[in-house]
Amino acid sequence: MDWMVKTQAPEKVKAPAVLVAVFEGTAALEGDAAGIDAALEGTLKERLAGEGFKGKPREVALLDSRGTVPSPRIAVFGLGKKKEFHTDRVREGVAKTLRLLRDRGVASAAVSLDVGAVSASPGEIAEATMEGAFLGLYRFDRFKTGDEEARKEWTRLVFLGTRKEKTKIEEALKRAEAVSKAVLFARDLVCTPANGMYPKDLAAAATDMAEGRPLKVTALDEKALEELGMNAFLSVARGSDQPPRLIVVEYRGGGAKEKPVVLVGKGITFDSGGISLKPADRMHEMKGDMAGGAAVLAAIRAAADLGLPLNLVAVVPATENLPGGRATRPGDVVKSLSGKTIEIINTDAEGRLLLADALTYAGKFEPAALIDTATLTGACVVALGPDVAGLFANDRGLAEKILKASEKTAETVWELPLHKSYGERLKSDVADMKNTGGREGGAITAALFLERFAGNFPWAHLDIAGPAFSTKGRPYVPKGGTGFAVRLLVEVLRSWKAAPKTSSGPKA
């Protein structure tokens, strides 16, 4: 999609459609909606009321301009009540409006960036608008063979801003485009069927991603993993004929001696549960069990495109989890890279085994902080539902950075406790620990398991099992892979100034 910034008022621009936003329940129209209203001789509110439009979030009205302005269509979307304004209302409104226009054969439009007097800056409004456009118009139709004309793509978007703010707006739009394209990259990885996304394919995608960017990619094969002693990781891989890969991507945007932030992402390219086989219902969605790995690859891509001034490493252990003849059995004991031994009670609690070795491996970089992202537990979905990720952290400063980024990006996380007494549930009679502590408090015991491999580094764990894959879709979040956590992680990295001081995690 091509885009440009114009310093025209929406009532003067000529485009197939022009978009403006209005608040719910305000006495007077604000921002560029007021200009459109003046061009309509003060009848905009009356015409909207005739359409049953009240300005609520996600509400859209398409009006015929009747020649009152150069654009034939006026598209109005609601922002809800002004006192509750958040830039996410802009993302949602733009996404829903552009999708509606596309469904009606429109492939180009102009969109106003002046929504009225709000706390957000013009740059923040611009970023949300661009994200709403890119993310809302996304479709994964690589394997569809129907009428190409029916899937006509959006071609152009014109952003309408003031001459005074034009430079800042253009900079903000470029940032948002880079981040949005990274999200789409992650969505493509997650949506690709498992027979097109084996571990070697995920490694190849990382290598292709690095082309033309200041990124170094290393993909360790099975022999290298055996030599390292990553036996917890390998125990998951043994049931599949597809060899595993440990994908490591490095970005050096900071000082030579500056410690990196290390992102670790679960990369199960298909999860059958292993010998502890999952039910058949919805197993097809398990192609998305590498969403954490996709998110960290996308985040480091965005960091490179934005030229962020920090050092960053992404580590993705990639494998399938299948019940083959060589598959690990419940009751088996493996020795992890850390030297700790693990009794495997349930082979469907495999993600933590990969991450245990990956977190230990990440320690060799002496990280300023460790953040792992994984579709780890169904228990987290039960606790928080499909739209909210669980956050666990051993460091208050790091947790606050993530919570603040969550608020800004509307990629919602909720902090859960590392309740230490629950660690007793991981005790094993034959090894240092079990890989599962049972159903009750399952998201917490899984996080406590991971914490044992995070060393003494500031560490946070994001359980994205709910929001990583959507079965219903929302205005800028399609069905299928959502790319959740990419924008969240990038915002954390954009705001990174120094390694957070180690402190105690949340109290239980």
Protein backbone atom coordinates (compact mmCIF):
# COMPACT_ATOMS: atom_id res chain seq x y z
CA MET A 1 0.00 0.00 0.00
CA ASP A 2 1.38 3.39 -1.03
CA TRP A 3 0.87 6.35 1.25
CA MET A 4 1.56 10.06 1.43
CA VAL A 5 0.85 13.07 3.63
CA LYS A 6 -1.12 16.05 2.36
CA THR A 7 -1.79 19.31 4.15
CA GLN A 8 -5.31 19.67 2.79
CA ALA A 9 -8.52 19.83 4.78
CA PRO A 10 -10.79 16.80 4.24
CA GLU A 11 -13.56 18.96 2.79
CA LYS A 12 -11.15 20.05 0.04
CA VAL A 13 -9.34 16.81 -0.83
CA LYS A 14 -10.42 14.66 -3.78
CA ALA A 15 -10.32 10.90 -3.11
CA PRO A 16 -12.69 7.93 -3.57
CA ALA A 17 -13.54 8.37 0.13
CA VAL A 18 -12.53 10.63 2.99
CA LEU A 19 -12.46 9.43 6.62
CA VAL A 20 -13.17 11.54 9.69
CA ALA A 21 -13.79 10.61 13.33
CA VAL A 22 -16.38 11.85 15.83
CA PHE A 23 -16.91 11.43 19.56
CA GLU A 24 -20.03 10.06 21.18
CA GLY A 25 -22.34 12.40 23.05
CA THR A 26 -20.53 15.73 22.41
CA ALA A 27 -22.56 18.85 21.77
CA ALA A 28 -20.33 20.05 18.92
CA LEU A 29 -18.25 18.25 16.31
CA GLU A 30 -14.47 18.59 16.70
CA GLY A 31 -11.38 18.48 14.55
CA ASP A 32 -11.81 17.86 10.84
CA ALA A 33 -15.33 16.54 11.37
CA ALA A 34 -16.30 20.17 12.02
CA GLY A 35 -14.90 21.16 8.62
CA ILE A 36 -16.91 18.44 6.90
CA ASP A 37 -19.98 19.60 8.82
CA ALA A 38 -19.48 23.16 7.61
CA ALA A 39 -19.23 21.93 4.01
CA LEU A 40 -22.51 20.07 4.57
CA GLU A 41 -24.07 23.32 5.87
CA GLY A 42 -24.29 22.01 9.43
CA THR A 43 -26.19 18.83 8.57
CA LEU A 44 -23.55 16.16 9.38
CA LYS A 45 -24.93 15.28 12.82
CA GLU A 46 -28.46 15.15 11.43
CA ARG A 47 -27.42 12.83 8.61
CA LEU A 48 -25.49 10.59 10.99
CA ALA A 49 -28.48 10.41 13.32
CA GLY A 50 -30.58 9.36 10.34
CA GLU A 51 -28.19 6.42 9.88
CA GLY A 52 -28.58 5.47 13.54
CA PHE A 53 -24.94 6.48 14.13
CA LYS A 54 -24.05 7.68 17.63
CA GLY A 55 -20.24 7.77 17.57
CA LYS A 56 -19.69 4.64 19.63
CA PRO A 57 -16.42 2.72 19.28
CA ARG A 58 -16.29 0.49 16.18
CA GLU A 59 -19.32 2.28 14.72
CA VAL A 60 -19.05 3.33 11.05
CA ALA A 61 -21.34 5.31 8.75
CA LEU A 62 -20.84 5.77 5.00
CA LEU A 63 -22.45 8.88 3.55
CA ASP A 64 -22.85 10.09 -0.02
CA SER A 65 -21.28 13.54 -0.17
CA ARG A 66 -23.91 14.66 -2.74
CA GLY A 67 -21.28 16.87 -4.36
CA THR A 68 -20.79 19.05 -1.28
CA VAL A 69 -17.11 18.04 -1.10
CA PRO A 70 -14.78 16.75 -3.86
CA SER A 71 -14.75 13.18 -2.44
CA PRO A 72 -17.90 11.19 -3.34
CA ARG A 73 -17.98 9.28 -0.04
CA ILE A 74 -17.67 10.51 3.54
CA ALA A 75 -16.78 7.73 5.97
CA VAL A 76 -17.32 8.55 9.64
CA PHE A 77 -16.15 6.32 12.47
CA GLY A 78 -16.85 6.60 16.17
CA LEU A 79 -14.32 7.16 18.93
CA GLY A 80 -16.66 6.66 21.86
CA LYS A 81 -16.84 9.05 24.78
CA LYS A 82 -14.11 11.66 24.77
CA LYS A 83 -13.16 11.15 28.40
CA GLU A 84 -12.42 7.50 27.60
CA PHE A 85 -10.32 8.22 24.51
CA HIS A 86 -7.41 5.92 23.69
CA THR A 87 -5.51 5.74 20.42
CA ASP A 88 -6.73 2.16 20.08
CA ARG A 89 -10.14 3.62 19.21
CA VAL A 90 -8.44 5.16 16.17
CA ARG A 91 -6.83 1.84 15.19
CA GLU A 92 -10.16 0.07 15.44
CA GLY A 93 -12.14 2.76 13.64
CA VAL A 94 -9.71 3.11 10.74
CA ALA A 95 -9.38 -0.67 10.36
CA LYS A 96 -13.12 -1.31 10.32
CA THR A 97 -13.82 1.60 7.96
CA LEU A 98 -11.17 0.65 5.42
CA ARG A 99 -12.30 -2.97 5.41
CA LEU A 100 -15.89 -1.86 4.82
CA LEU A 101 -14.77 0.38 1.94
CA ARG A 102 -12.68 -2.42 0.44
CA ASP A 103 -15.68 -4.75 0.55
CA ARG A 104 -17.53 -2.13 -1.52
CA GLY A 105 -14.81 -1.96 -4.15
CA VAL A 106 -12.94 1.11 -2.88
CA ALA A 107 -9.15 0.78 -2.94
CA SER A 108 -7.97 4.28 -2.01
CA ALA A 109 -8.96 6.92 0.52
CA ALA A 110 -7.89 9.98 2.48
CA VAL A 111 -8.01 9.92 6.27
CA SER A 112 -8.03 12.85 8.66
CA LEU A 113 -5.53 12.89 11.54
CA ASP A 114 -7.30 15.71 13.40
CA VAL A 115 -9.81 14.12 15.78
CA GLY A 116 -10.07 17.16 18.03
CA ALA A 117 -8.46 18.16 21.32
CA VAL A 118 -7.14 14.95 22.90
CA SER A 119 -4.14 14.03 25.03
CA ALA A 120 -2.48 12.09 22.20
CA SER A 121 -0.04 13.94 19.95
CA PRO A 122 -0.52 14.20 16.16
CA GLY A 123 2.32 11.67 15.82
CA GLU A 124 0.57 9.19 18.09
CA ILE A 125 -2.68 9.62 16.18
CA ALA A 126 -0.75 9.08 12.93
CA GLU A 127 0.88 5.88 14.25
CA ALA A 128 -2.46 4.47 15.36
CA THR A 129 -4.02 5.36 12.00
CA MET A 130 -1.26 3.65 10.04
CA GLU A 131 -1.40 0.58 12.27
CA GLY A 132 -5.17 0.39 11.90
CA ALA A 133 -4.81 0.51 8.13
CA PHE A 134 -2.04 -2.05 7.73
CA LEU A 135 -3.27 -4.45 10.39
CA GLY A 136 -6.94 -4.12 9.53
CA LEU A 137 -6.50 -4.73 5.81
CA TYR A 138 -4.37 -7.86 6.31
CA ARG A 139 -5.57 -11.09 4.75
CA PHE A 140 -3.82 -14.45 4.63
CA ASP A 141 -5.04 -15.80 1.30
CA ARG A 142 -1.88 -17.37 -0.09
CA PHE A 143 -3.61 -20.68 -0.67
CA LYS A 144 -6.90 -19.38 -2.08
CA THR A 145 -7.44 -19.98 -5.79
CA GLY A 146 -10.71 -18.08 -6.35
CA ASP A 147 -11.43 -14.89 -8.28
CA GLU A 148 -8.48 -12.52 -7.94
CA GLU A 149 -10.72 -9.49 -8.57
CA ALA A 150 -12.79 -10.42 -5.52
CA ARG A 151 -9.66 -10.08 -3.41
CA LYS A 152 -8.62 -6.70 -4.76
CA GLU A 153 -5.97 -5.13 -2.54
CA TRP A 154 -5.94 -1.64 -1.09
CA THR A 155 -3.61 0.59 -3.12
CA ARG A 156 -3.23 4.01 -1.52
CA LEU A 157 -3.88 5.97 1.65
CA VAL A 158 -3.51 9.74 1.98
CA PHE A 159 -3.01 11.13 5.49
CA LEU A 160 -4.34 14.63 6.07
CA GLY A 161 -2.38 16.74 8.53
CA THR A 162 -1.25 20.30 9.14
CA ARG A 163 1.80 21.83 7.48
CA LYS A 164 3.25 22.56 10.92
CA GLU A 165 3.13 18.90 11.96
CA LYS A 166 3.90 17.32 8.57
CA THR A 167 7.50 16.29 9.31
CA LYS A 168 6.63 14.74 12.67
CA ILE A 169 3.65 12.97 11.13
CA GLU A 170 5.77 11.51 8.33
CA GLU A 171 8.34 10.26 10.84
CA ALA A 172 5.59 8.68 12.94
CA LEU A 173 4.05 7.03 9.89
CA LYS A 174 7.38 5.54 8.85
CA ARG A 175 7.82 4.07 12.33
CA ALA A 176 4.31 2.67 12.31
CA GLU A 177 4.78 1.19 8.86
CA ALA A 178 7.94 -0.63 9.97
CA VAL A 179 6.25 -2.02 13.07
CA SER A 180 3.08 -2.94 11.21
CA LYS A 181 5.01 -4.80 8.52
CA ALA A 182 6.80 -6.71 11.27
CA VAL A 183 3.41 -7.72 12.72
CA LEU A 184 2.30 -8.91 9.28
CA PHE A 185 5.53 -10.90 8.97
CA ALA A 186 4.70 -12.64 12.25
CA ARG A 187 1.10 -13.25 11.15
CA ASP A 188 2.30 -14.86 7.92
CA LEU A 189 4.56 -17.21 9.87
CA VAL A 190 1.81 -18.22 12.29
CA CYS A 191 -0.87 -18.65 9.61
CA THR A 192 1.31 -20.80 7.34
CA PRO A 193 0.25 -24.47 7.54
CA ALA A 194 2.59 -26.75 9.44
CA ASN A 195 3.57 -28.60 6.26
CA GLY A 196 4.98 -25.32 4.99
CA MET A 197 6.58 -24.22 8.26
CA TYR A 198 8.92 -26.94 9.47
CA PRO A 199 11.76 -25.86 11.80
CA LYS A 200 14.09 -25.52 8.81
CA ASP A 201 11.51 -23.26 7.13
CA LEU A 202 11.28 -21.02 10.19
CA ALA A 203 15.08 -20.80 10.19
CA ALA A 204 15.02 -19.96 6.47
CA ALA A 205 12.42 -17.25 7.11
CA ALA A 206 14.73 -15.71 9.72
CA THR A 207 17.64 -15.82 7.27
CA ASP A 208 15.56 -14.21 4.51
CA MET A 209 14.36 -11.57 6.97
CA ALA A 210 17.94 -10.62 7.78
CA GLU A 211 18.81 -9.98 4.14
CA GLY A 212 19.49 -6.27 3.72
CA ARG A 213 19.18 -5.61 7.46
CA PRO A 214 21.94 -5.29 10.10
CA LEU A 215 21.10 -8.72 11.50
CA LYS A 216 23.24 -11.81 12.03
CA VAL A 217 21.46 -15.17 11.93
CA THR A 218 22.77 -18.49 13.23
CA ALA A 219 20.74 -21.70 13.02
CA LEU A 220 22.12 -24.56 15.12
CA ASP A 221 21.25 -28.04 13.87
CA GLU A 222 20.55 -31.22 15.80
CA LYS A 223 24.22 -32.23 16.03
CA ALA A 224 25.18 -28.85 17.46
CA LEU A 225 22.34 -29.05 19.99
CA GLU A 226 23.54 -32.49 21.09
CA GLU A 227 27.09 -31.22 21.51
CA LEU A 228 25.85 -28.34 23.63
CA GLY A 229 23.78 -30.66 25.80
CA MET A 230 20.36 -29.15 25.07
CA ASN A 231 18.65 -32.39 25.98
CA ALA A 232 15.41 -30.87 27.28
CA PHE A 233 14.92 -29.24 23.88
CA LEU A 234 15.92 -32.40 22.02
CA SER A 235 13.55 -34.53 24.09
CA VAL A 236 10.66 -32.70 22.44
CA ALA A 237 12.14 -32.98 18.95
CA ARG A 238 12.71 -36.73 18.93
CA GLY A 239 9.19 -37.72 17.95
CA SER A 240 9.42 -35.88 14.61
CA ASP A 241 11.30 -36.74 11.43
CA GLN A 242 11.86 -33.00 10.94
CA PRO A 243 15.15 -31.96 12.58
CA PRO A 244 15.05 -29.11 15.11
CA ARG A 245 16.79 -25.77 14.85
CA LEU A 246 17.93 -23.23 17.42
CA ILE A 247 17.56 -19.90 15.65
CA VAL A 248 19.66 -17.03 17.00
CA VAL A 249 19.35 -13.52 15.53
CA GLU A 250 21.63 -10.70 16.71
CA TYR A 251 21.23 -6.95 16.26
CA ARG A 252 23.92 -4.55 17.38
CA GLY A 253 22.55 -1.03 17.59
CA GLY A 254 24.15 -0.13 20.93
CA GLY A 255 27.66 0.20 22.27
CA ALA A 256 30.23 -2.57 21.84
CA LYS A 257 30.22 -3.33 25.57
CA GLU A 258 26.52 -2.74 26.15
CA LYS A 259 24.65 -5.78 27.40
CA PRO A 260 21.84 -6.92 25.09
CA VAL A 261 18.20 -7.46 25.76
CA VAL A 262 17.49 -11.10 24.89
CA LEU A 263 14.09 -12.17 23.58
CA VAL A 264 13.29 -15.88 23.68
CA GLY A 265 10.31 -17.25 21.75
CA LYS A 266 8.75 -20.69 21.76
CA GLY A 267 8.96 -22.19 18.27
CA ILE A 268 6.81 -25.34 18.20
CA THR A 269 5.88 -25.43 14.50
CA PHE A 270 3.20 -28.04 15.21
CA ASP A 271 2.09 -29.42 18.55
CA SER A 272 0.19 -32.70 18.67
CA GLY A 273 0.96 -33.04 22.36
CA GLY A 274 3.42 -35.87 21.70
CA ILE A 275 2.54 -39.16 23.36
CA SER A 276 0.25 -37.19 25.71
CA LEU A 277 -1.85 -36.61 22.59
CA LYS A 278 -4.18 -33.62 22.39
CA PRO A 279 -7.88 -34.03 21.49
CA ALA A 280 -8.54 -33.77 17.74
CA ASP A 281 -10.86 -30.79 18.18
CA ARG A 282 -9.00 -27.58 17.22
CA MET A 283 -5.69 -29.41 16.88
CA HIS A 284 -5.34 -27.75 13.47
CA GLU A 285 -4.74 -24.48 15.30
CA MET A 286 -1.55 -25.92 16.74
CA LYS A 287 0.31 -24.74 13.66
CA GLY A 288 0.30 -21.49 15.64
CA ASP A 289 2.26 -22.85 18.60
CA MET A 290 5.30 -21.01 17.27
CA ALA A 291 3.63 -17.61 17.72
CA GLY A 292 6.07 -16.65 20.48
CA GLY A 293 9.00 -17.39 18.20
CA ALA A 294 7.36 -15.45 15.36
CA ALA A 295 6.83 -12.48 17.68
CA VAL A 296 10.46 -12.20 18.77
CA LEU A 297 11.72 -12.59 15.19
CA ALA A 298 9.35 -9.84 14.10
CA ALA A 299 10.38 -7.64 17.01
CA ILE A 300 14.07 -7.82 16.15
CA ARG A 301 13.22 -7.13 12.52
CA ALA A 302 11.36 -3.97 13.57
CA ALA A 303 14.23 -2.94 15.88
CA ALA A 304 16.63 -3.15 12.96
CA ASP A 305 14.30 -1.20 10.64
CA LEU A 306 13.83 1.50 13.28
CA GLY A 307 17.55 1.63 14.05
CA LEU A 308 16.93 1.33 17.78
CA PRO A 309 20.02 2.27 19.85
CA LEU A 310 20.42 -0.96 21.80
CA ASN A 311 21.83 -4.45 21.41
CA LEU A 312 19.28 -7.19 20.96
CA VAL A 313 19.27 -10.97 20.55
CA ALA A 314 16.35 -13.21 19.57
CA VAL A 315 16.53 -16.91 20.44
CA VAL A 316 13.95 -19.32 19.00
CA PRO A 317 14.08 -23.08 19.71
CA ALA A 318 12.11 -24.60 16.83
CA THR A 319 10.76 -28.13 16.54
CA GLU A 320 7.61 -30.20 16.09
CA ASN A 321 6.08 -32.15 18.96
CA LEU A 322 4.85 -35.47 17.54
CA PRO A 323 4.28 -39.02 18.91
CA GLY A 324 6.83 -40.87 16.76
CA GLY A 325 8.65 -44.08 17.61
CA ARG A 326 11.55 -42.14 19.12
CA ALA A 327 9.30 -39.78 21.05
CA THR A 328 9.94 -39.01 24.69
CA ARG A 329 7.62 -40.91 27.05
CA PRO A 330 5.86 -39.73 30.21
CA GLY A 331 8.15 -40.74 33.06
CA ASP A 332 11.38 -40.19 31.14
CA VAL A 333 14.09 -38.06 32.75
CA VAL A 334 16.27 -35.64 30.78
CA LYS A 335 19.25 -33.52 31.75
CA SER A 336 18.86 -29.93 30.64
CA LEU A 337 21.59 -27.59 29.39
CA SER A 338 21.71 -26.06 32.87
CA GLY A 339 22.57 -29.45 34.38
CA LYS A 340 19.22 -29.71 36.16
CA THR A 341 17.30 -32.93 35.59
CA ILE A 342 13.62 -32.97 34.62
CA GLU A 343 11.07 -35.77 34.96
CA ILE A 344 8.63 -35.48 32.08
CA ILE A 345 5.15 -36.11 33.41
CA ASN A 346 3.24 -34.81 30.40
CA THR A 347 4.74 -34.52 26.91
CA ASP A 348 2.17 -31.84 26.08
CA ALA A 349 3.93 -29.55 28.56
CA GLU A 350 6.72 -29.34 26.01
CA GLY A 351 7.11 -25.60 25.54
CA ARG A 352 8.74 -25.15 28.92
CA LEU A 353 11.31 -27.82 28.04
CA LEU A 354 12.38 -25.89 24.94
CA LEU A 355 12.42 -22.63 26.82
CA ALA A 356 14.39 -24.09 29.73
CA ASP A 357 17.35 -24.81 27.46
CA ALA A 358 16.84 -21.63 25.42
CA LEU A 359 16.84 -19.44 28.55
CA THR A 360 20.00 -21.15 29.77
CA TYR A 361 21.59 -20.63 26.34
CA ALA A 362 20.53 -16.97 26.39
CA GLY A 363 22.49 -16.51 29.60
CA LYS A 364 25.75 -16.73 27.65
CA PHE A 365 25.00 -13.26 26.26
CA GLU A 366 25.01 -11.80 29.81
CA PRO A 367 21.71 -10.07 29.07
CA ALA A 368 20.54 -6.78 30.51
CA ALA A 369 17.15 -8.48 30.59
CA LEU A 370 15.47 -11.67 29.41
CA ILE A 371 11.93 -11.69 28.03
CA ASP A 372 10.38 -14.93 26.86
CA THR A 373 7.18 -15.09 24.86
CA ALA A 374 5.23 -18.32 24.44
CA THR A 375 1.87 -19.89 23.80
CA LEU A 376 2.56 -21.83 26.94
CA THR A 377 -0.53 -22.88 28.90
CA GLY A 378 -4.23 -23.42 28.42
CA ALA A 379 -4.49 -22.52 32.09
CA CYS A 380 -3.64 -18.91 31.24
CA VAL A 381 -6.50 -18.81 28.72
CA VAL A 382 -8.87 -20.17 31.36
CA ALA A 383 -7.68 -17.50 33.81
CA LEU A 384 -7.58 -14.48 31.51
CA GLY A 385 -9.65 -15.36 28.46
CA PRO A 386 -8.69 -15.19 24.80
CA ASP A 387 -7.61 -11.54 24.56
CA VAL A 388 -5.26 -11.06 27.52
CA ALA A 389 -1.71 -12.37 27.99
CA GLY A 390 -0.28 -13.36 31.36
CA LEU A 391 2.80 -11.55 32.63
CA PHE A 392 5.21 -12.97 35.19
CA ALA A 393 8.43 -11.23 36.22
CA ASN A 394 11.19 -11.50 38.79
CA ASP A 395 12.03 -7.82 38.37
CA ARG A 396 9.76 -4.88 39.21
CA GLY A 397 11.39 -2.45 36.78
CA LEU A 398 11.08 -4.83 33.85
CA ALA A 399 7.48 -5.65 34.71
CA GLU A 400 6.60 -1.95 34.80
CA LYS A 401 8.18 -1.39 31.38
CA ILE A 402 6.02 -4.15 29.91
CA LEU A 403 2.85 -2.95 31.64
CA LYS A 404 3.41 0.59 30.41
CA ALA A 405 3.99 -0.66 26.85
CA SER A 406 0.84 -2.76 27.12
CA GLU A 407 -1.21 0.29 28.03
CA LYS A 408 0.12 2.26 25.08
CA THR A 409 -0.22 -0.47 22.45
CA ALA A 410 -3.50 -1.98 23.76
CA GLU A 411 -1.87 -5.40 23.59
CA THR A 412 -3.27 -6.27 26.97
CA VAL A 413 -1.30 -8.15 29.62
CA TRP A 414 -2.22 -8.89 33.21
CA GLU A 415 0.41 -9.53 35.84
CA LEU A 416 0.11 -12.80 37.73
CA PRO A 417 2.09 -13.82 40.83
CA LEU A 418 5.13 -16.05 40.99
CA HIS A 419 3.63 -17.63 44.09
CA LYS A 420 6.67 -19.43 45.49
CA SER A 421 4.83 -22.09 47.48
CA TYR A 422 3.37 -23.41 44.23
CA GLY A 423 6.89 -24.47 43.33
CA GLU A 424 6.41 -27.42 45.68
CA ARG A 425 4.13 -28.90 43.03
CA LEU A 426 7.12 -29.30 40.73
CA LYS A 427 8.95 -31.63 43.12
CA SER A 428 9.88 -34.98 41.63
CA ASP A 429 10.69 -38.27 43.36
CA VAL A 430 13.32 -39.18 40.75
CA ALA A 431 14.70 -35.89 39.34
CA ASP A 432 15.36 -32.28 40.29
CA MET A 433 11.88 -31.30 39.15
CA LYS A 434 8.82 -32.34 37.14
CA ASN A 435 7.79 -30.53 33.99
CA THR A 436 4.26 -29.90 35.23
CA GLY A 437 2.67 -29.14 38.56
CA GLY A 438 -0.86 -30.21 37.69
CA ARG A 439 -3.93 -28.35 36.46
CA GLU A 440 -4.53 -25.96 39.37
CA GLY A 441 -2.50 -22.78 38.98
CA GLY A 442 -1.01 -24.23 35.80
CA ALA A 443 0.12 -20.91 34.33
CA ILE A 444 1.90 -20.05 37.59
CA THR A 445 3.69 -23.38 38.00
CA ALA A 446 4.79 -23.18 34.36
CA ALA A 447 6.26 -19.73 34.99
CA LEU A 448 7.94 -20.95 38.17
CA PHE A 449 9.48 -23.77 36.15
CA LEU A 450 10.91 -21.27 33.64
CA GLU A 451 12.20 -18.98 36.38
CA ARG A 452 14.57 -21.76 37.47
CA PHE A 453 16.39 -21.40 34.14
CA ALA A 454 16.48 -17.60 33.91
CA GLY A 455 19.54 -17.29 36.12
CA ASN A 456 20.04 -14.09 38.06
CA PHE A 457 19.05 -11.87 35.16
CA PRO A 458 16.00 -9.58 35.14
CA TRP A 459 13.42 -11.83 33.51
CA ALA A 460 9.82 -11.64 32.34
CA HIS A 461 7.59 -14.30 30.87
CA LEU A 462 4.64 -13.55 28.59
CA ASP A 463 2.11 -16.37 28.25
CA ILE A 464 0.31 -15.44 25.03
CA ALA A 465 -1.68 -18.67 24.59
CA GLY A 466 -4.95 -16.73 24.44
CA PRO A 467 -4.34 -13.72 22.17
CA ALA A 468 -1.80 -15.30 19.79
CA PHE A 469 -4.47 -17.02 17.70
CA SER A 470 -7.98 -15.66 17.15
CA THR A 471 -11.04 -17.70 16.21
CA LYS A 472 -13.37 -14.69 15.86
CA GLY A 473 -11.30 -11.69 14.82
CA ARG A 474 -11.62 -8.02 15.77
CA PRO A 475 -11.36 -4.78 13.72
CA TYR A 476 -7.58 -4.87 13.21
CA VAL A 477 -7.03 -8.43 14.42
CA PRO A 478 -8.03 -11.09 11.86
CA LYS A 479 -8.98 -14.67 12.42
CA GLY A 480 -5.90 -16.87 12.74
CA GLY A 481 -2.47 -15.63 13.76
CA THR A 482 -2.68 -12.17 15.31
CA GLY A 483 0.97 -11.16 15.64
CA PHE A 484 0.29 -10.44 19.31
CA ALA A 485 3.26 -9.18 21.37
CA VAL A 486 5.18 -7.72 18.40
CA ARG A 487 4.01 -4.15 18.99
CA LEU A 488 4.25 -4.68 22.75
CA LEU A 489 7.87 -5.85 22.58
CA VAL A 490 8.86 -3.11 20.14
CA GLU A 491 7.37 -0.48 22.45
CA VAL A 492 9.37 -1.91 25.37
CA LEU A 493 12.51 -1.71 23.24
CA ARG A 494 11.73 1.79 21.98
CA SER A 495 11.47 3.02 25.56
CA TRP A 496 14.57 1.14 26.73
CA LYS A 497 17.15 3.39 28.36
CA ALA A 498 19.13 1.19 30.69
CA ALA A 499 18.98 -2.27 32.17
CA PRO A 500 16.37 -2.25 34.96
CA LYS A 501 17.72 -2.77 38.43
CA THR A 502 17.07 -6.23 39.79
CA SER A 503 14.40 -6.23 42.44
CA SER A 504 11.84 -8.56 43.86
CA GLY A 505 8.96 -9.67 41.67
CA PRO A 506 5.28 -9.40 42.54
CA LYS A 507 4.25 -10.59 45.97
CA ALA A 508 1.75 -13.40 46.23
